[in-house]
């Protein structure tokens, strides 16, 4: 048995590359218009590498979901994650289709809710493996309420586990959120003001670190680049690098 070959075969191929993707600048009209559920069109789409089954249980110590299990992708279009930058902040849009369940949940069931888990490092520091004051973890729930008619979007800040330092307090009430139920899924968009994120300064730093996991009760989880067993949400060195294009 060739141990080194066995070890290499067990490492996901995307671990072998340090990738940097471009992020388009938001069209000026987006900053003037009221946020819509599908604010960004598919010209702003970002890649995603993997899809995973959602675990049944949660870690009793942390309350976080257990390990995700990789599954095969199907060919039909059912997921799109779009992201744009501006000096004023960041937009993102998630579109999910071919869902079997309506994505609304009560406040008491947030652990199992459809959710966008977004991590942003405003300085894209890659030589540390614990969160810094520039690392932000944000949770977005497209629908929270007792019924489809009453459900609306919600955002939360969450601490980065094992972080060396934390950002300034993030006022999620400053975020703009919009969601829309559709016949077979939903669209959800958010605007995150740059002023709410510690260290965001395009004139000095024109790239960011970014990681997302979009949890869906029908399809599982869609992941930008890495997922379990890598400690993605607590290690900004694993977040993908994105150049902010003019």
Foldseek 3Di string as FASTA:
>chain_A
DPVVVVVVVPDPPLVVDADAAAAEADDPVLVVDADELCSDDQVQWAAFDFFWAFDPDADPVPRAGDATHTDDDDDDDAWTWGKHADQFFIKIKIGGFQAPDAQEEEPVPVNQGFKKWKKKQQQLDQPFFFADQQIWIKIKRQWYDDDPVPTGIDMDTDDQPPHPYHHPDADCVPKRKYKDDDPGTIMIMITGTPVRGPPHGCVVHQKMFMWIWGADPGRGITTRGDGPPPSPRGTSNPTHMYGHDD
